Amino acid sequence: RSFRAWAGSPVVFPLQLDCDYQIRVHSNFSGMQEAIETVLGSFARNAPADTLLVVKGHPLDNGLVNWEKRTLAAAAKIGIADRLLFLESVDIDSLVCNALGLVTVNSTTGTLSLRCGVPTIVLGDAVYDMPRITDQKGLDAFWRDPTPPEMPVFDAFRRVLIERCLIHG
């Protein structure tokens, strides 16, 4: 089934690089395979039957690991292959800003979804993972009742981050 043929908006899960420092140090996952299995398992058990999960490959992945094949195999094994779509290249802004929600380990894509007002849950450690900005109920509850960001709180956080933490270069 193609993304365009799906009736509703998807929940998006952008993959990160398996060797990324953010995965190795700022998450409890041993790597992306474990993160994929966790997200897909929770989705299978808890997401409404009409929800589509779009897994987005990382644009800088070197292709040594076939994440599409691994993700689709994991989905088939737990019976959700018809509710999952793997995309390598897509306009990430459009995909994320039109999503029902975003699940991330700690990707900066989470800041994009928050900027668009999309409910976002963080499974690792991210500077933007805080009450009133990201969903705090846990992954299993997120699928049925995602909490959107309070936009004035996120906007204030974003301004502080830009003005106090980032070096313009």
C-alpha atoms as a PDB file:
ATOM      1  CA  ARG A   1       0.000   0.000   0.000  1.00  0.00           C
ATOM      2  CA  SER A   2       1.370   3.397  -0.910  1.00  0.00           C
ATOM      3  CA  PHE A   3       1.463   6.416   1.371  1.00  0.00           C
ATOM      4  CA  ARG A   4      -0.745   8.367  -1.019  1.00  0.00           C
ATOM      5  CA  ALA A   5      -3.390   5.608  -0.952  1.00  0.00           C
ATOM      6  CA  TRP A   6      -3.693   5.695   2.847  1.00  0.00           C
ATOM      7  CA  ALA A   7      -6.856   7.417   4.057  1.00  0.00           C
ATOM      8  CA  GLY A   8      -5.476   9.157   7.140  1.00  0.00           C
ATOM      9  CA  SER A   9      -2.352  10.766   8.425  1.00  0.00           C
ATOM     10  CA  PRO A  10       0.450   8.507   9.633  1.00  0.00           C
ATOM     11  CA  VAL A  11       2.533   8.361  12.741  1.00  0.00           C
ATOM     12  CA  VAL A  12       6.161   8.876  11.711  1.00  0.00           C
ATOM     13  CA  PHE A  13       9.226   7.142  13.135  1.00  0.00           C
ATOM     14  CA  PRO A  14      12.428   8.633  11.684  1.00  0.00           C
ATOM     15  CA  LEU A  15      15.421   6.341  11.987  1.00  0.00           C
ATOM     16  CA  GLN A  16      18.722   7.635  13.256  1.00  0.00           C
ATOM     17  CA  LEU A  17      22.167   6.396  12.364  1.00  0.00           C
ATOM     18  CA  ASP A  18      22.934   3.173  14.211  1.00  0.00           C
ATOM     19  CA  CYS A  19      26.407   4.460  15.126  1.00  0.00           C
ATOM     20  CA  ASP A  20      25.106   7.887  16.200  1.00  0.00           C
ATOM     21  CA  TYR A  21      26.450   9.118  19.527  1.00  0.00           C
ATOM     22  CA  GLN A  22      22.864  10.085  20.384  1.00  0.00           C
ATOM     23  CA  ILE A  23      21.838   6.429  20.165  1.00  0.00           C
ATOM     24  CA  ARG A  24      24.889   4.985  21.909  1.00  0.00           C
ATOM     25  CA  VAL A  25      25.053   7.458  24.805  1.00  0.00           C
ATOM     26  CA  HIS A  26      21.706   9.254  25.026  1.00  0.00           C
ATOM     27  CA  SER A  27      19.337   6.304  24.843  1.00  0.00           C
ATOM     28  CA  ASN A  28      18.819   2.939  26.497  1.00  0.00           C
ATOM     29  CA  PHE A  29      18.850   1.180  23.136  1.00  0.00           C
ATOM     30  CA  SER A  30      21.794  -0.938  22.014  1.00  0.00           C
ATOM     31  CA  GLY A  31      21.160   0.314  18.480  1.00  0.00           C
ATOM     32  CA  MET A  32      18.436   1.054  15.963  1.00  0.00           C
ATOM     33  CA  GLN A  33      17.373  -2.586  15.598  1.00  0.00           C
ATOM     34  CA  GLU A  34      16.294  -2.648  19.239  1.00  0.00           C
ATOM     35  CA  ALA A  35      14.556   0.723  18.835  1.00  0.00           C
ATOM     36  CA  ILE A  36      12.703  -0.531  15.743  1.00  0.00           C
ATOM     37  CA  GLU A  37      11.548  -3.682  17.534  1.00  0.00           C
ATOM     38  CA  THR A  38      10.386  -1.641  20.542  1.00  0.00           C
ATOM     39  CA  VAL A  39       8.412   0.852  18.452  1.00  0.00           C
ATOM     40  CA  LEU A  40       6.875  -1.777  16.162  1.00  0.00           C
ATOM     41  CA  GLY A  41       5.931  -4.013  19.092  1.00  0.00           C
ATOM     42  CA  SER A  42       4.208  -1.180  20.925  1.00  0.00           C
ATOM     43  CA  PHE A  43       2.480  -0.104  17.707  1.00  0.00           C
ATOM     44  CA  ALA A  44       1.202  -3.657  17.112  1.00  0.00           C
ATOM     45  CA  ARG A  45      -0.211  -3.943  20.632  1.00  0.00           C
ATOM     46  CA  ASN A  46      -1.621  -0.455  21.098  1.00  0.00           C
ATOM     47  CA  ALA A  47      -2.226   1.559  17.926  1.00  0.00           C
ATOM     48  CA  PRO A  48      -5.736   1.731  16.457  1.00  0.00           C
ATOM     49  CA  ALA A  49      -6.150  -0.720  13.576  1.00  0.00           C
ATOM     50  CA  ASP A  50      -6.529   2.088  11.026  1.00  0.00           C
ATOM     51  CA  THR A  51      -3.248   3.802  11.957  1.00  0.00           C
ATOM     52  CA  LEU A  52      -0.347   3.783   9.508  1.00  0.00           C
ATOM     53  CA  LEU A  53       3.227   3.832  10.784  1.00  0.00           C
ATOM     54  CA  VAL A  54       5.741   5.392   8.416  1.00  0.00           C
ATOM     55  CA  VAL A  55       9.348   4.513   9.158  1.00  0.00           C
ATOM     56  CA  LYS A  56      11.684   7.006   7.502  1.00  0.00           C
ATOM     57  CA  GLY A  57      15.231   5.967   6.666  1.00  0.00           C
ATOM     58  CA  HIS A  58      18.048   8.323   7.656  1.00  0.00           C
ATOM     59  CA  PRO A  59      19.278  10.422   4.698  1.00  0.00           C
ATOM     60  CA  LEU A  60      22.954   9.898   5.620  1.00  0.00           C
ATOM     61  CA  ASP A  61      22.772   6.140   6.180  1.00  0.00           C
ATOM     62  CA  ASN A  62      25.576   4.384   4.277  1.00  0.00           C
ATOM     63  CA  GLY A  63      23.448   1.390   3.243  1.00  0.00           C
ATOM     64  CA  LEU A  64      25.662  -1.263   4.854  1.00  0.00           C
ATOM     65  CA  VAL A  65      22.609  -2.369   6.823  1.00  0.00           C
ATOM     66  CA  ASN A  66      19.369  -2.741   4.892  1.00  0.00           C
ATOM     67  CA  TRP A  67      17.069  -1.016   7.370  1.00  0.00           C
ATOM     68  CA  GLU A  68      14.081  -1.273   5.052  1.00  0.00           C
ATOM     69  CA  LYS A  69      14.439  -5.061   4.823  1.00  0.00           C
ATOM     70  CA  ARG A  70      14.954  -5.382   8.582  1.00  0.00           C
ATOM     71  CA  THR A  71      12.008  -3.133   9.400  1.00  0.00           C
ATOM     72  CA  LEU A  72       9.639  -4.864   6.994  1.00  0.00           C
ATOM     73  CA  ALA A  73      10.724  -8.293   8.279  1.00  0.00           C
ATOM     74  CA  ALA A  74      10.063  -7.234  11.864  1.00  0.00           C
ATOM     75  CA  ALA A  75       6.663  -5.858  10.845  1.00  0.00           C
ATOM     76  CA  ALA A  76       5.749  -9.082   9.022  1.00  0.00           C
ATOM     77  CA  LYS A  77       6.830 -11.178  11.993  1.00  0.00           C
ATOM     78  CA  ILE A  78       4.402  -9.394  14.320  1.00  0.00           C
ATOM     79  CA  GLY A  79       1.594  -9.067  11.793  1.00  0.00           C
ATOM     80  CA  ILE A  80       1.607  -5.339  10.986  1.00  0.00           C
ATOM     81  CA  ALA A  81       3.197  -5.343   7.522  1.00  0.00           C
ATOM     82  CA  ASP A  82      -0.022  -3.987   6.009  1.00  0.00           C
ATOM     83  CA  ARG A  83       0.045  -1.026   8.437  1.00  0.00           C
ATOM     84  CA  LEU A  84       3.681  -0.032   7.939  1.00  0.00           C
ATOM     85  CA  LEU A  85       5.414   1.844   5.185  1.00  0.00           C
ATOM     86  CA  PHE A  86       9.179   2.361   4.903  1.00  0.00           C
ATOM     87  CA  LEU A  87      10.310   5.465   3.037  1.00  0.00           C
ATOM     88  CA  GLU A  88      13.880   6.278   2.077  1.00  0.00           C
ATOM     89  CA  SER A  89      13.382   9.650   0.468  1.00  0.00           C
ATOM     90  CA  VAL A  90      10.470  11.953   1.045  1.00  0.00           C
ATOM     91  CA  ASP A  91       9.998  15.614   1.887  1.00  0.00           C
ATOM     92  CA  ILE A  92      10.470  15.246   5.636  1.00  0.00           C
ATOM     93  CA  ASP A  93       8.877  18.633   6.389  1.00  0.00           C
ATOM     94  CA  SER A  94       5.660  17.718   4.605  1.00  0.00           C
ATOM     95  CA  LEU A  95       5.594  14.182   6.028  1.00  0.00           C
ATOM     96  CA  VAL A  96       6.174  15.248   9.614  1.00  0.00           C
ATOM     97  CA  CYS A  97       4.026  18.377   9.605  1.00  0.00           C
ATOM     98  CA  ASN A  98       1.044  16.375   8.319  1.00  0.00           C
ATOM     99  CA  ALA A  99       1.506  13.449  10.727  1.00  0.00           C
ATOM    100  CA  LEU A 100      -0.740  12.362  13.575  1.00  0.00           C
ATOM    101  CA  GLY A 101       2.361  12.030  15.712  1.00  0.00           C
ATOM    102  CA  LEU A 102       6.104  11.465  15.736  1.00  0.00           C
ATOM    103  CA  VAL A 103       8.023   8.802  17.648  1.00  0.00           C
ATOM    104  CA  THR A 104      11.747   9.406  17.993  1.00  0.00           C
ATOM    105  CA  VAL A 105      14.635   8.167  20.038  1.00  0.00           C
ATOM    106  CA  ASN A 106      16.109  11.676  20.224  1.00  0.00           C
ATOM    107  CA  SER A 107      16.328  12.971  16.652  1.00  0.00           C
ATOM    108  CA  THR A 108      16.334  16.670  15.821  1.00  0.00           C
ATOM    109  CA  THR A 109      13.355  15.777  13.605  1.00  0.00           C
ATOM    110  CA  GLY A 110      11.446  15.999  16.875  1.00  0.00           C
ATOM    111  CA  THR A 111      11.977  19.759  16.890  1.00  0.00           C
ATOM    112  CA  LEU A 112      10.464  19.928  13.406  1.00  0.00           C
ATOM    113  CA  SER A 113       7.359  18.029  14.505  1.00  0.00           C
ATOM    114  CA  LEU A 114       7.018  20.201  17.603  1.00  0.00           C
ATOM    115  CA  ARG A 115       7.339  23.367  15.509  1.00  0.00           C
ATOM    116  CA  CYS A 116       4.397  22.052  13.470  1.00  0.00           C
ATOM    117  CA  GLY A 117       2.350  21.312  16.601  1.00  0.00           C
ATOM    118  CA  VAL A 118       2.553  17.543  16.047  1.00  0.00           C
ATOM    119  CA  PRO A 119       2.423  15.322  19.154  1.00  0.00           C
ATOM    120  CA  THR A 120       5.920  13.958  19.727  1.00  0.00           C
ATOM    121  CA  ILE A 121       7.265  11.276  22.050  1.00  0.00           C
ATOM    122  CA  VAL A 122      10.955  10.871  22.826  1.00  0.00           C
ATOM    123  CA  LEU A 123      12.306   7.425  23.758  1.00  0.00           C
ATOM    124  CA  GLY A 124      15.821   8.569  24.670  1.00  0.00           C
ATOM    125  CA  ASP A 125      17.329  11.715  26.120  1.00  0.00           C
ATOM    126  CA  ALA A 126      16.694  14.905  24.158  1.00  0.00           C
ATOM    127  CA  VAL A 127      17.061  18.492  25.266  1.00  0.00           C
ATOM    128  CA  TYR A 128      13.510  19.209  24.122  1.00  0.00           C
ATOM    129  CA  ASP A 129      11.892  16.280  25.990  1.00  0.00           C
ATOM    130  CA  MET A 130       9.963  18.004  28.739  1.00  0.00           C
ATOM    131  CA  PRO A 131       6.427  18.271  30.073  1.00  0.00           C
ATOM    132  CA  ARG A 132       4.103  20.518  28.074  1.00  0.00           C
ATOM    133  CA  ILE A 133       6.335  20.109  25.021  1.00  0.00           C
ATOM    134  CA  THR A 134       6.522  16.351  24.393  1.00  0.00           C
ATOM    135  CA  ASP A 135       4.159  13.522  25.288  1.00  0.00           C
ATOM    136  CA  GLN A 136       5.057  12.185  28.721  1.00  0.00           C
ATOM    137  CA  LYS A 137       2.574   9.280  29.063  1.00  0.00           C
ATOM    138  CA  GLY A 138       4.755   6.580  27.545  1.00  0.00           C
ATOM    139  CA  LEU A 139       4.882   4.892  24.152  1.00  0.00           C
ATOM    140  CA  ASP A 140       2.019   2.439  24.678  1.00  0.00           C
ATOM    141  CA  ALA A 141      -0.428   5.254  25.528  1.00  0.00           C
ATOM    142  CA  PHE A 142       0.901   7.571  22.809  1.00  0.00           C
ATOM    143  CA  TRP A 143      -0.685   5.608  19.932  1.00  0.00           C
ATOM    144  CA  ARG A 144      -4.255   6.175  21.147  1.00  0.00           C
ATOM    145  CA  ASP A 145      -4.002   9.493  22.956  1.00  0.00           C
ATOM    146  CA  PRO A 146      -0.979  11.573  21.871  1.00  0.00           C
ATOM    147  CA  THR A 147      -0.445  14.856  23.693  1.00  0.00           C
ATOM    148  CA  PRO A 148       0.334  17.794  21.405  1.00  0.00           C
ATOM    149  CA  PRO A 149       2.856  20.414  22.455  1.00  0.00           C
ATOM    150  CA  GLU A 150       1.670  23.573  24.153  1.00  0.00           C
ATOM    151  CA  MET A 151       2.868  25.938  21.453  1.00  0.00           C
ATOM    152  CA  PRO A 152       3.593  28.978  23.687  1.00  0.00           C
ATOM    153  CA  VAL A 153       5.783  26.749  25.884  1.00  0.00           C
ATOM    154  CA  PHE A 154       7.588  25.252  22.893  1.00  0.00           C
ATOM    155  CA  ASP A 155       8.061  28.689  21.326  1.00  0.00           C
ATOM    156  CA  ALA A 156       9.589  30.002  24.573  1.00  0.00           C
ATOM    157  CA  PHE A 157      11.879  26.961  24.775  1.00  0.00           C
ATOM    158  CA  ARG A 158      12.934  27.398  21.150  1.00  0.00           C
ATOM    159  CA  ARG A 159      13.757  31.077  21.677  1.00  0.00           C
ATOM    160  CA  VAL A 160      15.915  30.270  24.714  1.00  0.00           C
ATOM    161  CA  LEU A 161      17.667  27.479  22.813  1.00  0.00           C
ATOM    162  CA  ILE A 162      18.415  29.745  19.861  1.00  0.00           C
ATOM    163  CA  GLU A 163      19.468  32.764  21.910  1.00  0.00           C
ATOM    164  CA  ARG A 164      21.415  31.050  24.707  1.00  0.00           C
ATOM    165  CA  CYS A 165      22.644  27.687  23.457  1.00  0.00           C
ATOM    166  CA  LEU A 166      23.401  27.886  19.740  1.00  0.00           C
ATOM    167  CA  ILE A 167      26.370  29.555  18.145  1.00  0.00           C
ATOM    168  CA  HIS A 168      25.536  31.238  14.855  1.00  0.00           C
ATOM    169  CA  GLY A 169      27.950  30.078  12.199  1.00  0.00           C
END
